[in-house]
Amino acid sequence: MGSSSTLRTKMALGSKMKVTVRNPRYEVRDRYFFPIPEYTEYEGEETTLKHVDSNQYLCLTTGIADFKIRVIDRTLIMNSQPQPLFALDDFFGVTERRKVEGSKGAVYELTKANGKWSCTCPGFEYRKDCKHVRAAGT
């Protein structure tokens, strides 16, 4: 699990992330009639609240209309992971993504944006054309 010093590293506001949080009630779980999980995972976009210290607390959107933001004590966060920002696909006009295998076994990503294909292979990065793009265009 991550240390609190690495978890305090700020991500860009609005970036999607998944965090694993230690449940402080787990230590006294025998006092409850129902099961208390040791850890809980939450997903959302990092945001801020006016009266919440962002160095001590992480604010995540929930996607729930009546409970829009979850405030999490950063000392309870055991692990955090950024999530892929595929929400930017709409902004950049991305309509399709494909994984392709190169001739030597490497895996590359083909992306179709605004009607044009691009590839992450070295050939495309150098020549702006490659066999993967030519194959995808047919």
C-alpha atoms as a PDB file:
ATOM      1  CA  MET A   1       0.000   0.000   0.000  1.00  0.00           C
ATOM      2  CA  GLY A   2       1.106   3.605  -0.570  1.00  0.00           C
ATOM      3  CA  SER A   3       2.611   5.857   2.041  1.00  0.00           C
ATOM      4  CA  SER A   4       0.914   9.067   3.109  1.00  0.00           C
ATOM      5  CA  SER A   5       3.721  11.196   1.646  1.00  0.00           C
ATOM      6  CA  THR A   6       3.124   9.836  -1.858  1.00  0.00           C
ATOM      7  CA  LEU A   7      -0.632  10.077  -1.454  1.00  0.00           C
ATOM      8  CA  ARG A   8      -0.417  13.780  -0.691  1.00  0.00           C
ATOM      9  CA  THR A   9       0.879  14.397  -4.200  1.00  0.00           C
ATOM     10  CA  LYS A  10      -1.823  16.445  -5.867  1.00  0.00           C
ATOM     11  CA  MET A  11      -3.337  15.346  -9.117  1.00  0.00           C
ATOM     12  CA  ALA A  12      -4.912  17.831 -11.463  1.00  0.00           C
ATOM     13  CA  LEU A  13      -8.369  18.885 -10.332  1.00  0.00           C
ATOM     14  CA  GLY A  14     -11.024  17.052 -12.277  1.00  0.00           C
ATOM     15  CA  SER A  15      -8.827  13.995 -12.834  1.00  0.00           C
ATOM     16  CA  LYS A  16     -10.512  10.647 -12.292  1.00  0.00           C
ATOM     17  CA  MET A  17      -9.069   8.465  -9.586  1.00  0.00           C
ATOM     18  CA  LYS A  18      -9.731   5.393  -7.478  1.00  0.00           C
ATOM     19  CA  VAL A  19      -8.742   5.414  -3.787  1.00  0.00           C
ATOM     20  CA  THR A  20      -8.613   2.639  -1.201  1.00  0.00           C
ATOM     21  CA  VAL A  21      -9.536   3.959   2.238  1.00  0.00           C
ATOM     22  CA  ARG A  22      -8.978   2.278   5.618  1.00  0.00           C
ATOM     23  CA  ASN A  23     -12.195   2.142   7.655  1.00  0.00           C
ATOM     24  CA  PRO A  24     -11.551   3.686  11.108  1.00  0.00           C
ATOM     25  CA  ARG A  25     -14.452   1.628  12.570  1.00  0.00           C
ATOM     26  CA  TYR A  26     -12.702  -1.619  11.628  1.00  0.00           C
ATOM     27  CA  GLU A  27     -10.674  -1.556  14.877  1.00  0.00           C
ATOM     28  CA  VAL A  28     -13.936  -1.774  16.885  1.00  0.00           C
ATOM     29  CA  ARG A  29     -15.838  -3.999  14.424  1.00  0.00           C
ATOM     30  CA  ASP A  30     -16.862  -6.417  17.205  1.00  0.00           C
ATOM     31  CA  ARG A  31     -19.151  -3.682  18.605  1.00  0.00           C
ATOM     32  CA  TYR A  32     -21.330  -3.703  15.489  1.00  0.00           C
ATOM     33  CA  PHE A  33     -24.129  -6.116  14.658  1.00  0.00           C
ATOM     34  CA  PHE A  34     -23.328  -5.906  10.920  1.00  0.00           C
ATOM     35  CA  PRO A  35     -19.986  -6.588   9.188  1.00  0.00           C
ATOM     36  CA  ILE A  36     -17.514  -3.695   8.967  1.00  0.00           C
ATOM     37  CA  PRO A  37     -15.125  -3.868   5.987  1.00  0.00           C
ATOM     38  CA  GLU A  38     -11.450  -3.130   6.599  1.00  0.00           C
ATOM     39  CA  TYR A  39     -11.089  -1.135   3.357  1.00  0.00           C
ATOM     40  CA  THR A  40     -13.441   0.621   0.970  1.00  0.00           C
ATOM     41  CA  GLU A  41     -12.735   1.725  -2.608  1.00  0.00           C
ATOM     42  CA  TYR A  42     -14.122   4.979  -3.974  1.00  0.00           C
ATOM     43  CA  GLU A  43     -13.969   6.353  -7.513  1.00  0.00           C
ATOM     44  CA  GLY A  44     -14.567   9.893  -8.675  1.00  0.00           C
ATOM     45  CA  GLU A  45     -13.022  13.124  -9.873  1.00  0.00           C
ATOM     46  CA  GLU A  46     -10.918  15.191  -7.488  1.00  0.00           C
ATOM     47  CA  THR A  47     -12.524  18.525  -6.651  1.00  0.00           C
ATOM     48  CA  THR A  48     -12.377  21.183  -3.940  1.00  0.00           C
ATOM     49  CA  LEU A  49     -14.766  22.620  -1.383  1.00  0.00           C
ATOM     50  CA  LYS A  50     -14.435  26.180  -0.115  1.00  0.00           C
ATOM     51  CA  HIS A  51     -14.081  25.393   3.603  1.00  0.00           C
ATOM     52  CA  VAL A  52     -12.189  22.083   3.338  1.00  0.00           C
ATOM     53  CA  ASP A  53      -8.390  21.980   3.712  1.00  0.00           C
ATOM     54  CA  SER A  54      -7.222  20.119   0.585  1.00  0.00           C
ATOM     55  CA  ASN A  55      -3.920  19.209   2.288  1.00  0.00           C
ATOM     56  CA  GLN A  56      -5.788  17.234   4.961  1.00  0.00           C
ATOM     57  CA  TYR A  57      -8.835  16.027   3.010  1.00  0.00           C
ATOM     58  CA  LEU A  58      -9.474  14.681  -0.475  1.00  0.00           C
ATOM     59  CA  CYS A  59     -12.788  15.664  -2.080  1.00  0.00           C
ATOM     60  CA  LEU A  60     -14.141  13.217  -4.671  1.00  0.00           C
ATOM     61  CA  THR A  61     -17.282  13.516  -6.765  1.00  0.00           C
ATOM     62  CA  THR A  62     -19.685  10.622  -6.303  1.00  0.00           C
ATOM     63  CA  GLY A  63     -22.043  10.864  -9.268  1.00  0.00           C
ATOM     64  CA  ILE A  64     -24.993  10.666  -6.845  1.00  0.00           C
ATOM     65  CA  ALA A  65     -27.441  13.582  -7.055  1.00  0.00           C
ATOM     66  CA  ASP A  66     -28.173  13.792  -3.315  1.00  0.00           C
ATOM     67  CA  PHE A  67     -24.569  13.098  -2.223  1.00  0.00           C
ATOM     68  CA  LYS A  68     -22.390  14.921  -4.747  1.00  0.00           C
ATOM     69  CA  ILE A  69     -19.018  15.024  -2.952  1.00  0.00           C
ATOM     70  CA  ARG A  70     -17.289  12.612  -0.575  1.00  0.00           C
ATOM     71  CA  VAL A  71     -14.686  14.142   1.790  1.00  0.00           C
ATOM     72  CA  ILE A  72     -11.927  11.656   2.731  1.00  0.00           C
ATOM     73  CA  ASP A  73      -9.269  12.134   5.400  1.00  0.00           C
ATOM     74  CA  ARG A  74      -5.954  11.754   3.556  1.00  0.00           C
ATOM     75  CA  THR A  75      -4.382   9.880   6.496  1.00  0.00           C
ATOM     76  CA  LEU A  76      -6.865   7.029   5.896  1.00  0.00           C
ATOM     77  CA  ILE A  77      -5.999   6.627   2.208  1.00  0.00           C
ATOM     78  CA  MET A  78      -4.034   3.435   1.678  1.00  0.00           C
ATOM     79  CA  ASN A  79      -3.705   3.553  -2.102  1.00  0.00           C
ATOM     80  CA  SER A  80      -4.706   5.862  -4.941  1.00  0.00           C
ATOM     81  CA  GLN A  81      -4.632   5.359  -8.685  1.00  0.00           C
ATOM     82  CA  PRO A  82      -5.328   7.800 -11.480  1.00  0.00           C
ATOM     83  CA  GLN A  83      -7.909   6.546 -13.931  1.00  0.00           C
ATOM     84  CA  PRO A  84      -7.655   6.873 -17.728  1.00  0.00           C
ATOM     85  CA  LEU A  85      -9.005  10.202 -18.902  1.00  0.00           C
ATOM     86  CA  PHE A  86     -11.193   8.912 -21.715  1.00  0.00           C
ATOM     87  CA  ALA A  87     -13.574  11.790 -21.003  1.00  0.00           C
ATOM     88  CA  LEU A  88     -11.120  13.860 -23.057  1.00  0.00           C
ATOM     89  CA  ASP A  89     -11.890  11.682 -26.080  1.00  0.00           C
ATOM     90  CA  ASP A  90     -14.968  13.775 -26.844  1.00  0.00           C
ATOM     91  CA  PHE A  91     -12.940  16.970 -26.623  1.00  0.00           C
ATOM     92  CA  PHE A  92     -10.289  15.679 -29.032  1.00  0.00           C
ATOM     93  CA  GLY A  93     -12.802  14.031 -31.378  1.00  0.00           C
ATOM     94  CA  VAL A  94     -11.671  10.456 -30.675  1.00  0.00           C
ATOM     95  CA  THR A  95     -14.203   7.991 -32.054  1.00  0.00           C
ATOM     96  CA  GLU A  96     -12.299   4.701 -31.888  1.00  0.00           C
ATOM     97  CA  ARG A  97      -9.337   3.029 -30.153  1.00  0.00           C
ATOM     98  CA  ARG A  98      -7.720  -0.300 -31.054  1.00  0.00           C
ATOM     99  CA  LYS A  99      -4.781  -2.319 -29.771  1.00  0.00           C
ATOM    100  CA  VAL A 100      -2.585  -3.900 -32.447  1.00  0.00           C
ATOM    101  CA  GLU A 101       0.421  -6.181 -32.224  1.00  0.00           C
ATOM    102  CA  GLY A 102       3.585  -5.165 -34.059  1.00  0.00           C
ATOM    103  CA  SER A 103       5.782  -7.508 -36.062  1.00  0.00           C
ATOM    104  CA  LYS A 104       8.107  -8.072 -33.066  1.00  0.00           C
ATOM    105  CA  GLY A 105       5.350  -8.582 -30.498  1.00  0.00           C
ATOM    106  CA  ALA A 106       5.048  -5.032 -29.116  1.00  0.00           C
ATOM    107  CA  VAL A 107       1.493  -3.758 -28.585  1.00  0.00           C
ATOM    108  CA  TYR A 108       0.566  -0.347 -30.013  1.00  0.00           C
ATOM    109  CA  GLU A 109      -2.571   1.750 -29.764  1.00  0.00           C
ATOM    110  CA  LEU A 110      -4.396   3.009 -32.843  1.00  0.00           C
ATOM    111  CA  THR A 111      -6.598   6.056 -32.304  1.00  0.00           C
ATOM    112  CA  LYS A 112      -9.109   7.522 -34.747  1.00  0.00           C
ATOM    113  CA  ALA A 113      -9.691  11.223 -34.098  1.00  0.00           C
ATOM    114  CA  ASN A 114     -11.498  13.612 -36.428  1.00  0.00           C
ATOM    115  CA  GLY A 115     -11.573  10.922 -39.103  1.00  0.00           C
ATOM    116  CA  LYS A 116      -7.792  10.316 -39.095  1.00  0.00           C
ATOM    117  CA  TRP A 117      -5.881   7.384 -37.617  1.00  0.00           C
ATOM    118  CA  SER A 118      -2.709   7.676 -35.525  1.00  0.00           C
ATOM    119  CA  CYS A 119      -0.493   5.015 -33.983  1.00  0.00           C
ATOM    120  CA  THR A 120       1.927   4.836 -31.066  1.00  0.00           C
ATOM    121  CA  CYS A 121       4.506   2.792 -33.021  1.00  0.00           C
ATOM    122  CA  PRO A 122       7.942   4.287 -33.788  1.00  0.00           C
ATOM    123  CA  GLY A 123       7.265   4.236 -37.546  1.00  0.00           C
ATOM    124  CA  PHE A 124       4.219   6.478 -37.228  1.00  0.00           C
ATOM    125  CA  GLU A 125       5.966   8.807 -34.798  1.00  0.00           C
ATOM    126  CA  TYR A 126       8.808   9.252 -37.299  1.00  0.00           C
ATOM    127  CA  ARG A 127       6.985   9.192 -40.681  1.00  0.00           C
ATOM    128  CA  LYS A 128       3.362   9.981 -39.652  1.00  0.00           C
ATOM    129  CA  ASP A 129       2.421   6.786 -41.484  1.00  0.00           C
ATOM    130  CA  CYS A 130       2.712   3.060 -40.728  1.00  0.00           C
ATOM    131  CA  LYS A 131       1.366  -0.314 -41.782  1.00  0.00           C
ATOM    132  CA  HIS A 132      -0.981  -0.373 -38.754  1.00  0.00           C
ATOM    133  CA  VAL A 133      -2.705   2.852 -39.888  1.00  0.00           C
ATOM    134  CA  ARG A 134      -2.879   1.664 -43.502  1.00  0.00           C
ATOM    135  CA  ALA A 135      -4.483  -1.626 -42.348  1.00  0.00           C
ATOM    136  CA  ALA A 136      -6.973   0.197 -40.091  1.00  0.00           C
ATOM    137  CA  GLY A 137      -8.018   2.544 -42.902  1.00  0.00           C
ATOM    138  CA  THR A 138      -9.175  -0.339 -45.118  1.00  0.00           C
END
